[in-house]
């Protein structure tokens, strides 16, 4: 029950009832509400200053965890970049040197992956740590690009390896006739006395003395580009090995291949003879590279030991007469 208030009226000498207007009630209520609001705000700030709200505590914990994961991600990126650098060093300093290929230019490795438009959505979101997020995405994109370049480099190396294996199979590397006792090399490369003209002139190959009918072997994988009688050279076979290499075989008694035929190293292509301008049964053998004659002695490395190779060089360096013309 509401308490009724009275006041003493001195004029009437009576107690009169206090009359409260609605305005007074409103002002009293407003004052109470204002006081309560000020008190509540004060309590809120006081509590917030010394005590964290539950959702704030949760957000701070999540933020701390995110920073921890971010640091872990950065460490993984650093490790991945270090591994990629090792692969690049092996690529440049081992694999590409083996195949005589130029390293990938640094400008390609450091090429960009796009401007700020790539991360426009992140930048527009106005997140508190957008800088960290964008930096991480840039590092990841750069790593992905460099990994792609590295995989393409390995594709190139694989192709070069396949070509290298093919080239090694094609390059002349054995003696064209059986010469196990190293007694058949009769005349070497260089200036030699011509057997018919009797003056010194360049000898573009080496001569192997052998009995007529001795098998002659292809010294590398090749295609037969010539197989016919050729005046001073007699019966002549010419092999195209590719990669700029060519071998020529003169004075054969019999040709055992046809033009366009594919041959492998060690295949019989004909037999030793005494045709053309020849002083005795023998094989005149030449190696050409990029249309220039080169010393065949340097291409006898696959079927001889180091000591036997040294012996062949000694025999080839003797200043003697060749056994035939046609060179």
C-alpha atoms as a PDB file:
ATOM      1  CA  UNK A   1       0.000   0.000   0.000  1.00  0.00           C
ATOM      2  CA  UNK A   2       1.450   3.350  -1.038  1.00  0.00           C
ATOM      3  CA  UNK A   3       2.424   5.675   1.755  1.00  0.00           C
ATOM      4  CA  UNK A   4       0.324   8.896   1.841  1.00  0.00           C
ATOM      5  CA  UNK A   5       2.304  12.035   2.642  1.00  0.00           C
ATOM      6  CA  UNK A   6       0.945  15.063   4.615  1.00  0.00           C
ATOM      7  CA  UNK A   7       2.278  18.497   5.446  1.00  0.00           C
ATOM      8  CA  UNK A   8       1.217  21.006   8.237  1.00  0.00           C
ATOM      9  CA  UNK A   9      -0.487  24.106   6.908  1.00  0.00           C
ATOM     10  CA  UNK A  10       0.185  27.012   9.315  1.00  0.00           C
ATOM     11  CA  UNK A  11      -2.641  29.082   7.930  1.00  0.00           C
ATOM     12  CA  UNK A  12      -5.347  26.501   8.582  1.00  0.00           C
ATOM     13  CA  UNK A  13      -3.476  24.838  11.446  1.00  0.00           C
ATOM     14  CA  UNK A  14      -4.290  21.513   9.837  1.00  0.00           C
ATOM     15  CA  UNK A  15      -2.406  18.654   8.196  1.00  0.00           C
ATOM     16  CA  UNK A  16      -3.057  18.739   4.497  1.00  0.00           C
ATOM     17  CA  UNK A  17      -2.469  15.887   2.096  1.00  0.00           C
ATOM     18  CA  UNK A  18       0.503  16.360  -0.292  1.00  0.00           C
ATOM     19  CA  UNK A  19      -0.655  16.387  -3.884  1.00  0.00           C
ATOM     20  CA  UNK A  20       1.908  15.029  -6.429  1.00  0.00           C
ATOM     21  CA  UNK A  21       1.510  15.971 -10.086  1.00  0.00           C
ATOM     22  CA  UNK A  22       2.283  13.711 -13.004  1.00  0.00           C
ATOM     23  CA  UNK A  23       5.155  15.967 -13.977  1.00  0.00           C
ATOM     24  CA  UNK A  24       6.674  15.446 -10.551  1.00  0.00           C
ATOM     25  CA  UNK A  25       6.303  11.699 -10.977  1.00  0.00           C
ATOM     26  CA  UNK A  26       7.959  11.887 -14.411  1.00  0.00           C
ATOM     27  CA  UNK A  27      10.857  13.958 -13.155  1.00  0.00           C
ATOM     28  CA  UNK A  28      11.370  11.683 -10.174  1.00  0.00           C
ATOM     29  CA  UNK A  29      11.320   8.622 -12.437  1.00  0.00           C
ATOM     30  CA  UNK A  30      13.681  10.227 -14.927  1.00  0.00           C
ATOM     31  CA  UNK A  31      16.078  11.133 -12.200  1.00  0.00           C
ATOM     32  CA  UNK A  32      16.012   7.614 -10.824  1.00  0.00           C
ATOM     33  CA  UNK A  33      16.514   6.114 -14.260  1.00  0.00           C
ATOM     34  CA  UNK A  34      19.413   8.477 -15.018  1.00  0.00           C
ATOM     35  CA  UNK A  35      21.078   7.657 -11.736  1.00  0.00           C
ATOM     36  CA  UNK A  36      20.608   3.936 -12.349  1.00  0.00           C
ATOM     37  CA  UNK A  37      22.021   4.251 -15.893  1.00  0.00           C
ATOM     38  CA  UNK A  38      25.069   6.158 -14.703  1.00  0.00           C
ATOM     39  CA  UNK A  39      25.623   3.594 -12.007  1.00  0.00           C
ATOM     40  CA  UNK A  40      25.240   0.713 -14.502  1.00  0.00           C
ATOM     41  CA  UNK A  41      27.681   2.289 -16.956  1.00  0.00           C
ATOM     42  CA  UNK A  42      30.177   2.828 -14.174  1.00  0.00           C
ATOM     43  CA  UNK A  43      29.854  -0.789 -13.051  1.00  0.00           C
ATOM     44  CA  UNK A  44      30.249  -1.993 -16.685  1.00  0.00           C
ATOM     45  CA  UNK A  45      33.459  -0.030 -17.273  1.00  0.00           C
ATOM     46  CA  UNK A  46      34.803  -0.965 -13.869  1.00  0.00           C
ATOM     47  CA  UNK A  47      34.116  -4.660 -14.554  1.00  0.00           C
ATOM     48  CA  UNK A  48      35.526  -4.418 -18.085  1.00  0.00           C
ATOM     49  CA  UNK A  49      38.680  -2.791 -16.762  1.00  0.00           C
ATOM     50  CA  UNK A  50      39.464  -5.443 -14.212  1.00  0.00           C
ATOM     51  CA  UNK A  51      37.513  -8.448 -15.500  1.00  0.00           C
ATOM     52  CA  UNK A  52      37.239  -9.765 -19.114  1.00  0.00           C
ATOM     53  CA  UNK A  53      33.896 -10.662 -20.558  1.00  0.00           C
ATOM     54  CA  UNK A  54      33.571 -14.345 -21.558  1.00  0.00           C
ATOM     55  CA  UNK A  55      33.289 -13.641 -25.321  1.00  0.00           C
ATOM     56  CA  UNK A  56      36.329 -11.331 -25.163  1.00  0.00           C
ATOM     57  CA  UNK A  57      38.330 -14.053 -23.416  1.00  0.00           C
ATOM     58  CA  UNK A  58      37.268 -16.532 -26.093  1.00  0.00           C
ATOM     59  CA  UNK A  59      38.196 -14.163 -28.942  1.00  0.00           C
ATOM     60  CA  UNK A  60      41.618 -13.453 -27.416  1.00  0.00           C
ATOM     61  CA  UNK A  61      42.269 -17.177 -27.080  1.00  0.00           C
ATOM     62  CA  UNK A  62      41.274 -17.816 -30.686  1.00  0.00           C
ATOM     63  CA  UNK A  63      43.443 -14.909 -31.847  1.00  0.00           C
ATOM     64  CA  UNK A  64      46.426 -16.299 -29.968  1.00  0.00           C
ATOM     65  CA  UNK A  65      45.883 -19.724 -31.518  1.00  0.00           C
ATOM     66  CA  UNK A  66      45.628 -18.189 -34.987  1.00  0.00           C
ATOM     67  CA  UNK A  67      48.928 -16.372 -34.482  1.00  0.00           C
ATOM     68  CA  UNK A  68      50.519 -19.650 -33.389  1.00  0.00           C
ATOM     69  CA  UNK A  69      49.231 -21.409 -36.513  1.00  0.00           C
ATOM     70  CA  UNK A  70      50.400 -18.487 -38.642  1.00  0.00           C
ATOM     71  CA  UNK A  71      53.917 -18.824 -37.230  1.00  0.00           C
ATOM     72  CA  UNK A  72      53.816 -22.575 -37.883  1.00  0.00           C
ATOM     73  CA  UNK A  73      52.683 -21.920 -41.468  1.00  0.00           C
ATOM     74  CA  UNK A  74      55.537 -19.470 -41.964  1.00  0.00           C
ATOM     75  CA  UNK A  75      58.029 -22.052 -40.692  1.00  0.00           C
ATOM     76  CA  UNK A  76      56.631 -24.626 -43.141  1.00  0.00           C
ATOM     77  CA  UNK A  77      56.942 -22.108 -45.967  1.00  0.00           C
ATOM     78  CA  UNK A  78      60.561 -21.403 -45.010  1.00  0.00           C
ATOM     79  CA  UNK A  79      61.324 -25.141 -44.972  1.00  0.00           C
ATOM     80  CA  UNK A  80      59.649 -25.632 -48.353  1.00  0.00           C
ATOM     81  CA  UNK A  81      61.609 -22.718 -49.839  1.00  0.00           C
ATOM     82  CA  UNK A  82      64.859 -24.153 -48.493  1.00  0.00           C
ATOM     83  CA  UNK A  83      64.074 -27.524 -50.069  1.00  0.00           C
ATOM     84  CA  UNK A  84      63.266 -25.804 -53.360  1.00  0.00           C
ATOM     85  CA  UNK A  85      66.592 -23.923 -53.227  1.00  0.00           C
ATOM     86  CA  UNK A  86      68.418 -27.250 -52.833  1.00  0.00           C
ATOM     87  CA  UNK A  87      66.564 -28.633 -55.870  1.00  0.00           C
ATOM     88  CA  UNK A  88      67.441 -25.507 -57.850  1.00  0.00           C
ATOM     89  CA  UNK A  89      71.127 -25.819 -56.963  1.00  0.00           C
ATOM     90  CA  UNK A  90      71.180 -29.473 -58.034  1.00  0.00           C
ATOM     91  CA  UNK A  91      69.319 -28.538 -61.206  1.00  0.00           C
ATOM     92  CA  UNK A  92      71.755 -25.743 -62.144  1.00  0.00           C
ATOM     93  CA  UNK A  93      75.035 -27.226 -60.918  1.00  0.00           C
ATOM     94  CA  UNK A  94      74.595 -30.940 -61.644  1.00  0.00           C
ATOM     95  CA  UNK A  95      71.831 -31.947 -64.033  1.00  0.00           C
ATOM     96  CA  UNK A  96      72.081 -29.048 -66.460  1.00  0.00           C
ATOM     97  CA  UNK A  97      75.879 -29.153 -66.487  1.00  0.00           C
ATOM     98  CA  UNK A  98      75.791 -32.859 -67.330  1.00  0.00           C
ATOM     99  CA  UNK A  99      73.624 -32.106 -70.357  1.00  0.00           C
ATOM    100  CA  UNK A 100      75.462 -28.862 -71.180  1.00  0.00           C
ATOM    101  CA  UNK A 101      72.298 -26.774 -70.747  1.00  0.00           C
ATOM    102  CA  UNK A 102      72.061 -23.200 -69.514  1.00  0.00           C
ATOM    103  CA  UNK A 103      70.624 -22.629 -66.001  1.00  0.00           C
ATOM    104  CA  UNK A 104      67.144 -21.116 -65.739  1.00  0.00           C
ATOM    105  CA  UNK A 105      67.556 -17.296 -65.540  1.00  0.00           C
ATOM    106  CA  UNK A 106      67.018 -15.706 -62.143  1.00  0.00           C
ATOM    107  CA  UNK A 107      64.474 -13.315 -63.656  1.00  0.00           C
ATOM    108  CA  UNK A 108      62.183 -16.256 -64.424  1.00  0.00           C
ATOM    109  CA  UNK A 109      62.481 -17.622 -60.892  1.00  0.00           C
ATOM    110  CA  UNK A 110      61.678 -14.220 -59.406  1.00  0.00           C
ATOM    111  CA  UNK A 111      58.814 -13.436 -61.779  1.00  0.00           C
ATOM    112  CA  UNK A 112      55.618 -12.093 -60.220  1.00  0.00           C
ATOM    113  CA  UNK A 113      52.285 -13.882 -59.945  1.00  0.00           C
ATOM    114  CA  UNK A 114      49.920 -10.896 -60.248  1.00  0.00           C
ATOM    115  CA  UNK A 115      49.252  -7.574 -58.547  1.00  0.00           C
ATOM    116  CA  UNK A 116      46.973  -6.473 -55.728  1.00  0.00           C
ATOM    117  CA  UNK A 117      43.891  -7.506 -57.707  1.00  0.00           C
ATOM    118  CA  UNK A 118      44.657 -11.128 -56.796  1.00  0.00           C
ATOM    119  CA  UNK A 119      43.967 -10.292 -53.152  1.00  0.00           C
ATOM    120  CA  UNK A 120      41.258  -7.647 -53.665  1.00  0.00           C
ATOM    121  CA  UNK A 121      38.657  -9.681 -51.789  1.00  0.00           C
ATOM    122  CA  UNK A 122      40.907  -9.941 -48.736  1.00  0.00           C
ATOM    123  CA  UNK A 123      41.843  -6.261 -48.837  1.00  0.00           C
ATOM    124  CA  UNK A 124      38.215  -5.230 -49.228  1.00  0.00           C
ATOM    125  CA  UNK A 125      37.210  -7.271 -46.178  1.00  0.00           C
ATOM    126  CA  UNK A 126      39.241  -4.888 -43.963  1.00  0.00           C
ATOM    127  CA  UNK A 127      40.258  -7.645 -41.593  1.00  0.00           C
ATOM    128  CA  UNK A 128      42.460  -6.663 -38.683  1.00  0.00           C
ATOM    129  CA  UNK A 129      45.424  -8.759 -39.872  1.00  0.00           C
ATOM    130  CA  UNK A 130      44.938  -8.474 -43.609  1.00  0.00           C
ATOM    131  CA  UNK A 131      48.659  -7.687 -44.039  1.00  0.00           C
ATOM    132  CA  UNK A 132      49.706 -11.016 -42.546  1.00  0.00           C
ATOM    133  CA  UNK A 133      47.137 -12.887 -44.605  1.00  0.00           C
ATOM    134  CA  UNK A 134      48.130 -11.225 -47.895  1.00  0.00           C
ATOM    135  CA  UNK A 135      51.851 -11.777 -47.188  1.00  0.00           C
ATOM    136  CA  UNK A 136      51.205 -15.476 -46.595  1.00  0.00           C
ATOM    137  CA  UNK A 137      49.193 -15.824 -49.799  1.00  0.00           C
ATOM    138  CA  UNK A 138      51.946 -14.043 -51.749  1.00  0.00           C
ATOM    139  CA  UNK A 139      54.574 -16.423 -50.343  1.00  0.00           C
ATOM    140  CA  UNK A 140      52.422 -19.447 -51.166  1.00  0.00           C
ATOM    141  CA  UNK A 141      51.728 -18.216 -54.713  1.00  0.00           C
ATOM    142  CA  UNK A 142      55.429 -17.563 -55.291  1.00  0.00           C
ATOM    143  CA  UNK A 143      56.318 -21.023 -53.999  1.00  0.00           C
ATOM    144  CA  UNK A 144      53.682 -22.619 -56.245  1.00  0.00           C
ATOM    145  CA  UNK A 145      55.035 -20.745 -59.270  1.00  0.00           C
ATOM    146  CA  UNK A 146      58.622 -21.774 -58.542  1.00  0.00           C
ATOM    147  CA  UNK A 147      57.569 -25.390 -58.016  1.00  0.00           C
ATOM    148  CA  UNK A 148      55.863 -25.294 -61.405  1.00  0.00           C
ATOM    149  CA  UNK A 149      59.048 -23.904 -62.997  1.00  0.00           C
ATOM    150  CA  UNK A 150      61.065 -26.655 -61.315  1.00  0.00           C
ATOM    151  CA  UNK A 151      58.760 -29.407 -62.588  1.00  0.00           C
ATOM    152  CA  UNK A 152      59.023 -27.981 -66.123  1.00  0.00           C
ATOM    153  CA  UNK A 153      62.800 -27.935 -65.716  1.00  0.00           C
ATOM    154  CA  UNK A 154      62.747 -31.614 -64.773  1.00  0.00           C
ATOM    155  CA  UNK A 155      60.630 -32.305 -67.862  1.00  0.00           C
ATOM    156  CA  UNK A 156      63.319 -30.581 -69.943  1.00  0.00           C
ATOM    157  CA  UNK A 157      66.064 -32.574 -68.210  1.00  0.00           C
ATOM    158  CA  UNK A 158      64.163 -35.818 -68.809  1.00  0.00           C
ATOM    159  CA  UNK A 159      63.935 -34.955 -72.497  1.00  0.00           C
ATOM    160  CA  UNK A 160      67.633 -34.036 -72.585  1.00  0.00           C
ATOM    161  CA  UNK A 161      68.477 -37.324 -70.867  1.00  0.00           C
ATOM    162  CA  UNK A 162      66.530 -39.245 -73.496  1.00  0.00           C
ATOM    163  CA  UNK A 163      68.302 -37.301 -76.249  1.00  0.00           C
ATOM    164  CA  UNK A 164      71.643 -37.826 -74.499  1.00  0.00           C
ATOM    165  CA  UNK A 165      71.086 -41.592 -74.388  1.00  0.00           C
ATOM    166  CA  UNK A 166      70.194 -41.547 -78.077  1.00  0.00           C
ATOM    167  CA  UNK A 167      73.230 -39.395 -78.864  1.00  0.00           C
ATOM    168  CA  UNK A 168      75.560 -41.686 -76.913  1.00  0.00           C
ATOM    169  CA  UNK A 169      74.195 -44.655 -78.871  1.00  0.00           C
ATOM    170  CA  UNK A 170      74.807 -42.834 -82.170  1.00  0.00           C
ATOM    171  CA  UNK A 171      78.235 -41.293 -81.630  1.00  0.00           C
ATOM    172  CA  UNK A 172      81.011 -43.517 -83.069  1.00  0.00           C
ATOM    173  CA  UNK A 173      82.792 -45.223 -80.179  1.00  0.00           C
ATOM    174  CA  UNK A 174      84.308 -48.555 -81.303  1.00  0.00           C
ATOM    175  CA  UNK A 175      86.879 -49.700 -83.829  1.00  0.00           C
ATOM    176  CA  UNK A 176      85.333 -50.600 -87.194  1.00  0.00           C
ATOM    177  CA  UNK A 177      87.033 -54.003 -87.347  1.00  0.00           C
ATOM    178  CA  UNK A 178      88.086 -56.526 -84.712  1.00  0.00           C
ATOM    179  CA  UNK A 179      91.496 -55.487 -83.414  1.00  0.00           C
ATOM    180  CA  UNK A 180      91.932 -57.249 -80.084  1.00  0.00           C
ATOM    181  CA  UNK A 181      95.694 -57.566 -80.430  1.00  0.00           C
ATOM    182  CA  UNK A 182      96.053 -53.934 -81.578  1.00  0.00           C
ATOM    183  CA  UNK A 183      98.142 -54.949 -84.614  1.00  0.00           C
ATOM    184  CA  UNK A 184      95.870 -53.761 -87.423  1.00  0.00           C
ATOM    185  CA  UNK A 185      96.151 -49.973 -87.104  1.00  0.00           C
ATOM    186  CA  UNK A 186      98.544 -49.254 -89.998  1.00  0.00           C
ATOM    187  CA  UNK A 187      98.309 -45.495 -90.562  1.00  0.00           C
ATOM    188  CA  UNK A 188      96.959 -42.609 -88.511  1.00  0.00           C
ATOM    189  CA  UNK A 189      95.196 -39.281 -89.025  1.00  0.00           C
ATOM    190  CA  UNK A 190      97.094 -36.235 -90.307  1.00  0.00           C
ATOM    191  CA  UNK A 191      99.818 -35.594 -92.855  1.00  0.00           C
ATOM    192  CA  UNK A 192     100.811 -38.879 -94.518  1.00  0.00           C
ATOM    193  CA  UNK A 193     102.673 -39.989 -97.643  1.00  0.00           C
ATOM    194  CA  UNK A 194     100.245 -40.765-100.457  1.00  0.00           C
ATOM    195  CA  UNK A 195     100.887 -44.327-101.713  1.00  0.00           C
ATOM    196  CA  UNK A 196     100.324 -43.443-105.371  1.00  0.00           C
ATOM    197  CA  UNK A 197     101.270 -39.801-105.706  1.00  0.00           C
ATOM    198  CA  UNK A 198     104.269 -40.152-103.397  1.00  0.00           C
ATOM    199  CA  UNK A 199     103.931 -36.804-101.622  1.00  0.00           C
ATOM    200  CA  UNK A 200     102.619 -35.837 -98.215  1.00  0.00           C
ATOM    201  CA  UNK A 201      99.024 -34.693 -97.925  1.00  0.00           C
ATOM    202  CA  UNK A 202      96.314 -34.656 -95.240  1.00  0.00           C
ATOM    203  CA  UNK A 203      95.045 -38.126 -94.358  1.00  0.00           C
ATOM    204  CA  UNK A 204      91.436 -37.677 -93.196  1.00  0.00           C
ATOM    205  CA  UNK A 205      91.113 -41.034 -91.480  1.00  0.00           C
ATOM    206  CA  UNK A 206      92.981 -44.097 -90.241  1.00  0.00           C
ATOM    207  CA  UNK A 207      93.895 -47.310 -92.069  1.00  0.00           C
ATOM    208  CA  UNK A 208      93.355 -50.811 -90.669  1.00  0.00           C
ATOM    209  CA  UNK A 209      95.222 -53.609 -92.416  1.00  0.00           C
ATOM    210  CA  UNK A 210      93.224 -56.851 -92.504  1.00  0.00           C
ATOM    211  CA  UNK A 211      92.624 -59.941 -94.587  1.00  0.00           C
ATOM    212  CA  UNK A 212      90.061 -59.652 -97.394  1.00  0.00           C
ATOM    213  CA  UNK A 213      86.611 -60.609 -96.149  1.00  0.00           C
ATOM    214  CA  UNK A 214      87.201 -59.370 -92.577  1.00  0.00           C
ATOM    215  CA  UNK A 215      83.858 -58.018 -91.260  1.00  0.00           C
ATOM    216  CA  UNK A 216      83.477 -54.242 -90.950  1.00  0.00           C
ATOM    217  CA  UNK A 217      81.194 -52.942 -88.211  1.00  0.00           C
ATOM    218  CA  UNK A 218      79.098 -49.814 -87.836  1.00  0.00           C
ATOM    219  CA  UNK A 219      80.702 -47.810 -85.033  1.00  0.00           C
ATOM    220  CA  UNK A 220      77.426 -46.262 -83.847  1.00  0.00           C
ATOM    221  CA  UNK A 221      73.700 -46.292 -84.530  1.00  0.00           C
ATOM    222  CA  UNK A 222      73.079 -44.652 -87.887  1.00  0.00           C
ATOM    223  CA  UNK A 223      71.293 -44.505 -91.193  1.00  0.00           C
ATOM    224  CA  UNK A 224      73.075 -45.539 -94.388  1.00  0.00           C
ATOM    225  CA  UNK A 225      73.442 -42.418 -96.536  1.00  0.00           C
ATOM    226  CA  UNK A 226      75.700 -43.923 -99.226  1.00  0.00           C
ATOM    227  CA  UNK A 227      76.552 -47.452-100.334  1.00  0.00           C
ATOM    228  CA  UNK A 228      78.213 -47.661-103.759  1.00  0.00           C
ATOM    229  CA  UNK A 229      81.430 -47.853-105.754  1.00  0.00           C
ATOM    230  CA  UNK A 230      83.245 -44.496-105.731  1.00  0.00           C
ATOM    231  CA  UNK A 231      86.382 -44.447-107.902  1.00  0.00           C
ATOM    232  CA  UNK A 232      89.528 -44.051-105.760  1.00  0.00           C
ATOM    233  CA  UNK A 233      87.583 -44.980-102.578  1.00  0.00           C
ATOM    234  CA  UNK A 234      86.432 -48.251-104.123  1.00  0.00           C
ATOM    235  CA  UNK A 235      83.359 -49.785-102.562  1.00  0.00           C
ATOM    236  CA  UNK A 236      82.299 -47.141-100.059  1.00  0.00           C
ATOM    237  CA  UNK A 237      79.723 -46.915 -97.269  1.00  0.00           C
ATOM    238  CA  UNK A 238      78.764 -43.689 -95.565  1.00  0.00           C
ATOM    239  CA  UNK A 239      76.721 -43.613 -92.325  1.00  0.00           C
ATOM    240  CA  UNK A 240      74.779 -40.651 -90.976  1.00  0.00           C
ATOM    241  CA  UNK A 241      74.741 -40.882 -87.151  1.00  0.00           C
ATOM    242  CA  UNK A 242      72.845 -37.665 -86.552  1.00  0.00           C
ATOM    243  CA  UNK A 243      73.969 -34.964 -84.099  1.00  0.00           C
ATOM    244  CA  UNK A 244      76.411 -33.772 -86.792  1.00  0.00           C
ATOM    245  CA  UNK A 245      78.349 -37.087 -86.943  1.00  0.00           C
ATOM    246  CA  UNK A 246      79.176 -39.129 -90.041  1.00  0.00           C
ATOM    247  CA  UNK A 247      81.492 -42.100 -90.659  1.00  0.00           C
ATOM    248  CA  UNK A 248      82.990 -43.308 -93.946  1.00  0.00           C
ATOM    249  CA  UNK A 249      84.359 -46.744 -94.882  1.00  0.00           C
ATOM    250  CA  UNK A 250      86.515 -47.191 -98.040  1.00  0.00           C
ATOM    251  CA  UNK A 251      88.031 -50.001-100.173  1.00  0.00           C
ATOM    252  CA  UNK A 252      85.488 -52.676 -99.170  1.00  0.00           C
ATOM    253  CA  UNK A 253      85.356 -55.978-101.033  1.00  0.00           C
ATOM    254  CA  UNK A 254      81.608 -56.238-100.500  1.00  0.00           C
ATOM    255  CA  UNK A 255      78.918 -53.852 -99.292  1.00  0.00           C
ATOM    256  CA  UNK A 256      76.308 -55.470 -97.054  1.00  0.00           C
ATOM    257  CA  UNK A 257      73.838 -52.566 -96.527  1.00  0.00           C
ATOM    258  CA  UNK A 258      71.546 -50.371 -98.627  1.00  0.00           C
ATOM    259  CA  UNK A 259      70.920 -46.623 -98.650  1.00  0.00           C
ATOM    260  CA  UNK A 260      68.267 -45.681 -96.071  1.00  0.00           C
ATOM    261  CA  UNK A 261      68.842 -48.800 -93.981  1.00  0.00           C
ATOM    262  CA  UNK A 262      69.045 -48.346 -90.197  1.00  0.00           C
ATOM    263  CA  UNK A 263      72.014 -49.971 -88.490  1.00  0.00           C
ATOM    264  CA  UNK A 264      73.054 -50.417 -84.868  1.00  0.00           C
ATOM    265  CA  UNK A 265      76.514 -50.174 -83.385  1.00  0.00           C
ATOM    266  CA  UNK A 266      78.280 -53.486 -84.095  1.00  0.00           C
ATOM    267  CA  UNK A 267      76.176 -54.429 -87.142  1.00  0.00           C
ATOM    268  CA  UNK A 268      78.182 -55.765 -90.106  1.00  0.00           C
ATOM    269  CA  UNK A 269      77.985 -53.284 -92.996  1.00  0.00           C
ATOM    270  CA  UNK A 270      80.527 -54.893 -95.342  1.00  0.00           C
ATOM    271  CA  UNK A 271      83.897 -56.629 -95.633  1.00  0.00           C
ATOM    272  CA  UNK A 272      87.541 -55.567 -95.978  1.00  0.00           C
ATOM    273  CA  UNK A 273      88.820 -55.438 -99.551  1.00  0.00           C
ATOM    274  CA  UNK A 274      91.334 -53.896-101.917  1.00  0.00           C
ATOM    275  CA  UNK A 275      89.087 -51.893-104.249  1.00  0.00           C
ATOM    276  CA  UNK A 276      89.807 -48.425-105.624  1.00  0.00           C
ATOM    277  CA  UNK A 277      93.250 -46.864-105.176  1.00  0.00           C
ATOM    278  CA  UNK A 278      94.490 -49.352-102.577  1.00  0.00           C
ATOM    279  CA  UNK A 279      97.993 -50.759-102.133  1.00  0.00           C
ATOM    280  CA  UNK A 280      96.870 -53.713 -99.994  1.00  0.00           C
ATOM    281  CA  UNK A 281      93.717 -55.138 -98.383  1.00  0.00           C
ATOM    282  CA  UNK A 282      92.693 -52.649 -95.729  1.00  0.00           C
ATOM    283  CA  UNK A 283      89.898 -50.421 -94.431  1.00  0.00           C
ATOM    284  CA  UNK A 284      90.205 -46.678 -94.612  1.00  0.00           C
ATOM    285  CA  UNK A 285      87.928 -45.256 -91.861  1.00  0.00           C
ATOM    286  CA  UNK A 286      86.914 -41.616 -91.333  1.00  0.00           C
ATOM    287  CA  UNK A 287      84.879 -39.714 -88.729  1.00  0.00           C
ATOM    288  CA  UNK A 288      83.339 -36.367 -89.669  1.00  0.00           C
ATOM    289  CA  UNK A 289      81.612 -33.882 -87.362  1.00  0.00           C
ATOM    290  CA  UNK A 290      79.730 -30.861 -88.689  1.00  0.00           C
ATOM    291  CA  UNK A 291      81.241 -31.462 -92.145  1.00  0.00           C
ATOM    292  CA  UNK A 292      84.830 -31.497 -90.868  1.00  0.00           C
ATOM    293  CA  UNK A 293      87.109 -34.557 -90.604  1.00  0.00           C
ATOM    294  CA  UNK A 294      88.299 -35.341 -87.073  1.00  0.00           C
ATOM    295  CA  UNK A 295      90.757 -37.877 -85.732  1.00  0.00           C
ATOM    296  CA  UNK A 296      88.939 -41.239 -85.415  1.00  0.00           C
ATOM    297  CA  UNK A 297      91.398 -42.352 -82.712  1.00  0.00           C
ATOM    298  CA  UNK A 298      89.425 -40.267 -80.215  1.00  0.00           C
ATOM    299  CA  UNK A 299      86.346 -42.398 -80.899  1.00  0.00           C
ATOM    300  CA  UNK A 300      87.782 -45.800 -79.980  1.00  0.00           C
ATOM    301  CA  UNK A 301      87.019 -45.552 -76.272  1.00  0.00           C
ATOM    302  CA  UNK A 302      84.267 -48.116 -75.756  1.00  0.00           C
ATOM    303  CA  UNK A 303      85.952 -51.378 -76.710  1.00  0.00           C
ATOM    304  CA  UNK A 304      89.469 -50.770 -75.312  1.00  0.00           C
ATOM    305  CA  UNK A 305      91.068 -50.293 -71.895  1.00  0.00           C
ATOM    306  CA  UNK A 306      93.013 -47.159 -70.982  1.00  0.00           C
ATOM    307  CA  UNK A 307      96.290 -48.963 -71.664  1.00  0.00           C
ATOM    308  CA  UNK A 308      95.063 -50.236 -75.039  1.00  0.00           C
ATOM    309  CA  UNK A 309      93.854 -46.755 -75.959  1.00  0.00           C
ATOM    310  CA  UNK A 310      97.285 -45.314 -75.179  1.00  0.00           C
ATOM    311  CA  UNK A 311      98.807 -48.010 -77.417  1.00  0.00           C
ATOM    312  CA  UNK A 312      96.467 -47.103 -80.288  1.00  0.00           C
ATOM    313  CA  UNK A 313      97.438 -43.439 -79.971  1.00  0.00           C
ATOM    314  CA  UNK A 314     101.100 -44.407 -80.117  1.00  0.00           C
ATOM    315  CA  UNK A 315     100.523 -46.454 -83.277  1.00  0.00           C
ATOM    316  CA  UNK A 316      98.420 -43.727 -84.909  1.00  0.00           C
ATOM    317  CA  UNK A 317     101.096 -41.105 -84.293  1.00  0.00           C
ATOM    318  CA  UNK A 318     103.741 -42.954 -86.284  1.00  0.00           C
ATOM    319  CA  UNK A 319     104.761 -41.024 -89.368  1.00  0.00           C
ATOM    320  CA  UNK A 320     104.274 -43.618 -92.125  1.00  0.00           C
ATOM    321  CA  UNK A 321     102.637 -44.115 -95.501  1.00  0.00           C
ATOM    322  CA  UNK A 322      98.939 -44.709 -95.913  1.00  0.00           C
ATOM    323  CA  UNK A 323      97.689 -47.864 -97.618  1.00  0.00           C
ATOM    324  CA  UNK A 324      95.337 -46.361-100.140  1.00  0.00           C
ATOM    325  CA  UNK A 325      94.091 -43.350-102.032  1.00  0.00           C
ATOM    326  CA  UNK A 326      90.599 -41.931-102.194  1.00  0.00           C
ATOM    327  CA  UNK A 327      91.042 -39.448 -99.386  1.00  0.00           C
END
